[in-house]
Protein backbone atom coordinates (compact mmCIF):
# COMPACT_ATOMS: atom_id res chain seq x y z
CA MET A 1 0.00 0.00 0.00
CA PRO A 2 1.59 3.35 -1.02
CA ARG A 3 2.61 5.60 1.85
CA LYS A 4 0.82 8.93 2.04
CA GLN A 5 3.02 11.96 1.37
CA ARG A 6 3.82 13.84 4.57
CA PRO A 7 2.57 17.45 4.45
CA TYR A 8 4.95 20.40 4.46
CA PRO A 9 4.61 23.00 7.26
CA SER A 10 3.47 25.54 4.66
CA ASP A 11 0.64 23.33 3.33
CA LEU A 12 -2.94 24.50 3.71
CA SER A 13 -5.03 22.90 6.41
CA ASP A 14 -8.61 21.94 5.57
CA ALA A 15 -9.85 25.03 7.40
CA ARG A 16 -7.48 27.38 5.57
CA TRP A 17 -8.31 25.81 2.22
CA GLY A 18 -11.98 26.33 3.02
CA LEU A 19 -11.32 30.08 3.16
CA LEU A 20 -9.50 30.20 -0.18
CA GLU A 21 -11.21 27.50 -2.21
CA PRO A 22 -14.38 29.38 -3.31
CA THR A 23 -12.39 32.27 -4.80
CA LEU A 24 -9.81 30.04 -6.50
CA THR A 25 -12.39 27.61 -7.87
CA ALA A 26 -14.49 30.47 -9.27
CA TRP A 27 -11.38 32.01 -10.83
CA ARG A 28 -10.40 28.80 -12.63
CA ALA A 29 -13.96 28.24 -13.84
CA GLU A 30 -14.05 31.78 -15.24
CA ARG A 31 -10.77 31.29 -17.10
CA ARG A 32 -12.08 28.07 -18.63
CA GLY A 33 -15.19 29.88 -19.72
CA LYS A 34 -12.98 32.32 -21.62
CA GLY A 35 -10.99 29.51 -23.21
CA LEU A 36 -7.95 30.25 -21.06
CA ASP A 37 -7.38 26.82 -19.52
CA ILE A 38 -4.26 26.37 -17.40
CA GLY A 39 -2.69 22.96 -16.94
CA ARG A 40 -4.77 19.81 -16.65
CA PRO A 41 -7.18 19.98 -13.69
CA PRO A 42 -7.66 16.18 -13.47
CA GLU A 43 -3.88 15.80 -13.22
CA HIS A 44 -3.00 18.75 -10.97
CA ASP A 45 -5.20 19.43 -7.95
CA LEU A 46 -5.99 23.12 -7.38
CA ARG A 47 -5.27 22.88 -3.66
CA ARG A 48 -1.93 21.18 -4.28
CA ILE A 49 -0.97 23.90 -6.76
CA THR A 50 -1.72 26.48 -4.06
CA ASP A 51 0.39 24.52 -1.56
CA ALA A 52 3.30 24.68 -4.01
CA ILE A 53 2.98 28.46 -4.46
CA LEU A 54 2.88 28.94 -0.68
CA TYR A 55 5.92 26.66 -0.36
CA VAL A 56 7.93 28.99 -2.61
CA ASP A 57 6.72 32.11 -0.77
CA ARG A 58 7.50 30.65 2.63
CA THR A 59 10.85 28.96 1.93
CA GLY A 60 12.23 31.36 -0.69
CA ILE A 61 13.45 28.63 -3.07
CA PRO A 62 13.69 29.21 -6.85
CA TRP A 63 10.71 27.87 -8.80
CA ARG A 64 12.91 25.27 -10.50
CA TYR A 65 13.82 23.82 -7.08
CA LEU A 66 10.26 22.84 -6.16
CA PRO A 67 10.13 19.30 -4.65
CA HIS A 68 9.09 16.67 -7.17
CA ASP A 69 5.96 15.66 -5.26
CA PHE A 70 4.42 18.96 -6.41
CA ALA A 71 3.29 19.58 -9.98
CA PRO A 72 6.04 20.53 -12.47
CA TRP A 73 7.47 23.92 -11.59
CA GLU A 74 6.42 25.34 -14.97
CA THR A 75 2.80 24.51 -14.16
CA VAL A 76 2.99 25.97 -10.66
CA TYR A 77 4.63 29.16 -11.90
CA GLY A 78 2.03 29.41 -14.66
CA TYR A 79 -0.73 29.39 -12.06
CA PHE A 80 1.09 31.98 -9.93
CA ALA A 81 1.61 34.29 -12.91
CA ALA A 82 -2.02 33.92 -14.05
CA ARG A 83 -3.35 34.63 -10.56
CA GLN A 84 -1.14 37.69 -10.31
CA LYS A 85 -2.35 38.97 -13.69
CA ASP A 86 -6.00 38.44 -12.74
CA GLU A 87 -5.53 40.13 -9.32
CA VAL A 88 -6.55 36.96 -7.47
CA PHE A 89 -4.07 37.60 -4.65
CA GLY A 90 -5.57 41.05 -4.19
CA GLN A 91 -9.06 39.55 -4.03
CA LEU A 92 -8.00 37.01 -1.41
CA ASN A 93 -6.20 39.70 0.58
CA GLY A 94 -9.32 41.85 0.62
CA LEU A 95 -11.61 38.95 1.56
CA LEU A 96 -9.46 37.77 4.46
CA ARG A 97 -8.79 41.30 5.69
CA ARG A 98 -12.53 41.91 5.98
CA LEU A 99 -12.98 38.64 7.89
CA VAL A 100 -10.13 39.44 10.28
CA ARG A 101 -11.44 42.94 10.93
CA GLU A 102 -14.93 41.62 11.66
CA ALA A 103 -13.47 38.94 13.95
CA GLU A 104 -11.70 41.76 15.83
CA GLY A 105 -15.00 43.59 16.27
CA ARG A 106 -14.27 46.26 13.66
CA ASP A 107 -16.09 47.44 10.56
CA ALA A 108 -15.21 45.46 7.45
CA GLY A 109 -13.84 48.60 5.76
CA PRO A 110 -11.08 50.72 7.34
CA SER A 111 -11.41 54.41 8.16
CA ALA A 112 -7.69 55.07 8.75
CA CYS A 113 -4.36 53.93 7.35
CA VAL A 114 -0.62 54.10 8.00
CA LEU A 115 1.97 54.61 5.25
CA ASP A 116 5.61 53.57 5.12
CA ALA A 117 8.30 52.31 2.75
CA GLN A 118 11.05 49.69 2.96
CA SER A 119 14.13 49.51 0.75
CA ILE A 120 15.26 45.96 0.04
CA LYS A 121 18.18 44.34 -1.75
CA THR A 122 17.55 42.37 -4.92
CA SER A 123 18.90 39.12 -6.33
CA ALA A 124 21.19 38.86 -9.34
CA ASN A 125 18.33 38.00 -11.72
CA VAL A 126 16.51 41.33 -11.22
CA PRO A 127 17.12 43.63 -14.24
CA ALA A 128 19.34 46.61 -13.45
CA ALA A 129 16.84 48.90 -15.17
CA GLY A 130 14.29 48.13 -12.43
CA GLN A 131 16.63 48.96 -9.57
CA GLY A 132 17.99 52.10 -7.95
CA ILE A 133 19.95 53.31 -4.93
CA ASP A 134 18.32 54.56 -1.76
CA ALA A 135 20.97 57.10 -0.75
CA GLY A 136 19.59 57.50 2.77
CA LYS A 137 19.56 53.77 3.55
CA LYS A 138 22.57 53.03 1.31
CA ILE A 139 20.70 50.13 -0.30
CA ALA A 140 20.80 49.27 -3.99
CA GLY A 141 17.64 47.50 -5.08
CA ARG A 142 13.92 48.13 -4.86
CA LYS A 143 11.54 49.86 -2.50
CA ARG A 144 8.21 48.63 -1.16
CA HIS A 145 5.64 51.33 -0.49
CA ILE A 146 2.75 50.00 1.58
CA GLY A 147 -0.36 51.20 3.33
CA VAL A 148 -1.99 49.24 6.15
CA ASP A 149 -5.06 49.60 8.32
CA ALA A 150 -5.04 50.09 12.11
CA LEU A 151 -4.47 46.33 12.59
CA GLY A 152 -1.47 46.31 10.26
CA LEU A 153 -3.33 44.49 7.48
CA LEU A 154 -2.30 45.34 3.93
CA LEU A 155 -4.45 47.83 2.01
CA ALA A 156 -2.13 48.59 -0.90
CA VAL A 157 1.45 47.89 -2.05
CA LEU A 158 3.64 49.37 -4.77
CA VAL A 159 7.13 48.10 -5.64
CA THR A 160 9.50 50.57 -7.34
CA ALA A 161 13.21 51.16 -7.80
CA ALA A 162 14.84 52.11 -4.50
CA ASN A 163 15.61 55.64 -5.68
CA VAL A 164 11.91 56.53 -5.97
CA SER A 165 11.14 58.90 -3.10
CA ASP A 166 8.76 58.00 -0.31
CA SER A 167 6.57 60.96 -1.27
CA VAL A 168 6.16 59.84 -4.89
CA GLY A 169 5.53 56.19 -4.09
CA GLY A 170 3.46 57.03 -1.03
CA SER A 171 1.20 59.34 -3.01
CA GLN A 172 0.41 56.55 -5.48
CA VAL A 173 -0.32 54.10 -2.68
CA PHE A 174 -2.42 56.73 -0.93
CA SER A 175 -4.52 57.33 -4.05
CA SER A 176 -5.08 53.59 -4.43
CA ILE A 177 -6.19 53.24 -0.82
CA VAL A 178 -8.66 56.14 -0.97
CA SER A 179 -10.06 54.85 -4.26
CA ASP A 180 -10.64 51.34 -2.88
CA HIS A 181 -11.61 52.41 0.65
CA PRO A 182 -13.64 55.64 0.51
CA ARG A 183 -14.26 55.54 4.28
CA VAL A 184 -10.61 56.40 4.97
CA THR A 185 -10.41 59.93 6.39
CA LYS A 186 -7.24 59.72 8.51
CA ALA A 187 -3.68 58.67 7.74
CA TRP A 188 -0.35 58.58 9.55
CA ALA A 189 3.09 58.74 7.96
CA ASP A 190 6.68 59.44 8.99
CA THR A 191 8.69 62.58 8.27
CA GLY A 192 9.82 61.23 4.89
CA TYR A 193 6.37 62.06 3.49
CA ARG A 194 5.87 65.55 4.88
CA THR A 195 4.40 68.30 2.69
CA LYS A 196 3.75 66.48 -0.61
CA VAL A 197 1.71 63.64 0.86
CA ILE A 198 -0.05 65.96 3.31
CA ASP A 199 -1.15 68.19 0.42
CA HIS A 200 -2.12 65.14 -1.64
CA GLY A 201 -4.19 63.84 1.28
CA ALA A 202 -5.94 67.18 1.61
CA ARG A 203 -6.97 67.02 -2.04
CA LEU A 204 -8.36 63.54 -1.40
CA GLY A 205 -10.21 64.65 1.73
CA VAL A 206 -7.92 62.78 4.13
CA ASP A 207 -6.16 64.27 7.15
CA VAL A 208 -2.51 63.15 7.09
CA GLU A 209 -0.61 63.36 10.37
CA VAL A 210 3.18 63.05 10.42
CA THR A 211 4.52 61.02 13.34
CA ARG A 212 7.87 62.10 14.78
CA ARG A 213 10.39 60.82 17.25
CA ALA A 214 10.65 62.88 20.43
CA PRO A 215 13.52 65.38 19.82
CA ALA A 216 15.17 64.76 23.21
CA HIS A 217 14.86 60.97 23.11
CA LYS A 218 17.95 58.85 22.52
CA GLY A 219 17.99 55.22 21.44
CA PHE A 220 15.04 53.05 20.43
CA GLU A 221 11.55 54.49 20.72
CA VAL A 222 8.15 53.09 19.80
CA ILE A 223 6.61 55.81 17.66
CA PRO A 224 2.82 56.11 18.00
CA ARG A 225 0.89 54.63 15.06
CA ARG A 226 4.04 54.04 13.03
CA TRP A 227 4.79 50.84 14.98
CA VAL A 228 1.74 49.27 13.30
CA VAL A 229 3.24 49.37 9.80
CA GLU A 230 6.72 48.50 11.10
CA ARG A 231 5.20 45.35 12.58
CA THR A 232 3.70 44.50 9.18
CA PHE A 233 7.17 44.60 7.61
CA ASP A 234 8.32 42.28 10.39
CA TRP A 235 5.49 39.84 9.60
CA LEU A 236 6.53 39.79 5.95
CA MET A 237 10.08 38.78 6.93
CA HIS A 238 8.75 35.39 8.05
CA HIS A 239 8.38 34.62 4.33
CA ARG A 240 11.83 34.12 2.87
CA ARG A 241 10.77 34.91 -0.68
CA VAL A 242 10.22 38.54 0.36
CA VAL A 243 13.25 38.94 2.64
CA ARG A 244 15.09 39.89 -0.57
CA ASP A 245 13.42 40.79 -3.87
CA TYR A 246 13.87 37.83 -6.24
CA GLU A 247 11.21 38.73 -8.80
CA THR A 248 12.23 39.98 -12.24
CA GLN A 249 9.06 42.08 -12.49
CA PRO A 250 7.83 44.48 -9.76
CA HIS A 251 4.20 43.36 -10.01
CA ARG A 252 5.29 39.80 -9.21
CA SER A 253 6.99 41.18 -6.10
CA GLU A 254 3.73 42.83 -5.11
CA ALA A 255 1.94 39.49 -5.59
CA MET A 256 4.42 37.73 -3.29
CA ILE A 257 3.77 40.32 -0.58
CA LYS A 258 0.00 39.93 -0.93
CA LEU A 259 0.42 36.14 -0.80
CA ALA A 260 2.42 36.43 2.43
CA MET A 261 -0.43 38.42 3.98
CA VAL A 262 -2.97 35.87 2.75
CA ASP A 263 -0.92 33.18 4.49
CA LEU A 264 -0.77 35.18 7.72
CA MET A 265 -4.47 36.11 7.80
CA SER A 266 -5.71 32.61 6.92
CA ARG A 267 -3.67 31.26 9.83
CA ARG A 268 -5.03 33.94 12.11
CA LEU A 269 -8.63 33.16 11.20
CA THR A 270 -8.22 29.40 11.68
CA GLY A 271 -5.99 29.50 14.76
CA GLN A 272 -3.09 27.76 13.01
CA SER A 273 0.36 28.86 14.15
CA PRO A 274 2.97 29.74 11.53
CA PRO A 275 5.61 27.03 11.01
CA ARG A 276 8.44 27.15 13.55
CA THR A 277 7.57 30.62 14.75
CA GLY A 278 5.53 29.83 17.86
CA ALA A 279 2.45 31.92 18.48
CA ILE A 280 0.38 33.53 15.76
CA PRO A 281 1.43 37.18 15.20
CA GLU A 282 -0.78 39.40 17.34
CA LEU A 283 -3.12 41.57 15.29
CA ARG A 284 -4.81 43.48 18.06
CA VAL A 285 -4.03 47.16 18.45
CA ARG A 286 -2.18 47.84 21.68
CA GLN A 287 -3.71 50.47 23.86
């Protein structure tokens, strides 16, 4: 009798798959209806394909190094690329964010956000044309501009060359957030955003408050509101594929970040701890 394959720590549990399955099944059915079939459904199980994509996001391995008990790497990558193109990761991120917010006793839609950016090094396969140098951080690579809600859950992400200023990238993220979440009337950002984003927020009808470190304070300090988005960056670092930017195209980098948040939120909703990291990251806002 053949021995059943042992699951990987990144594999979806039945409960987590139950959260994702309706969206993914509907997406594949819609693509078939348009004559855009991917792979061979009878041969490659949709859940197992998703396990393989999560395996790459969590472990950081190249696609070609996928274990052989998954579908061929070309098939898995094809599904990832198609889901990215069809904004499936964004749909899942929005669905799970609403569920987490409701579970925390909040409205499904946010009314406030926090903005920040993170410069990150890139791998050798990333085209030089898509990179830049963040002179302040002394990092050559790309920059992630994100906006999160009061729980630290992702609202929008934009990946650019590292030399794109926080104000330019932040303004684009800000516009995306306000467009998708019209209830947002308050935002917090650090001093790197200052006048440009404040003026942009005013035009959008949002009050932008700049958070600053106390002038007389020395050493580490938890800055009000800003710690929420800093914690989100820390959550992302549990997924090795986003510790460094390995994606040749920026929109694939954005998809990997959204996938990491889908992984985190699905675990939160089902009470499943992340592999080898102990307790589930706390999402509650500290008083």
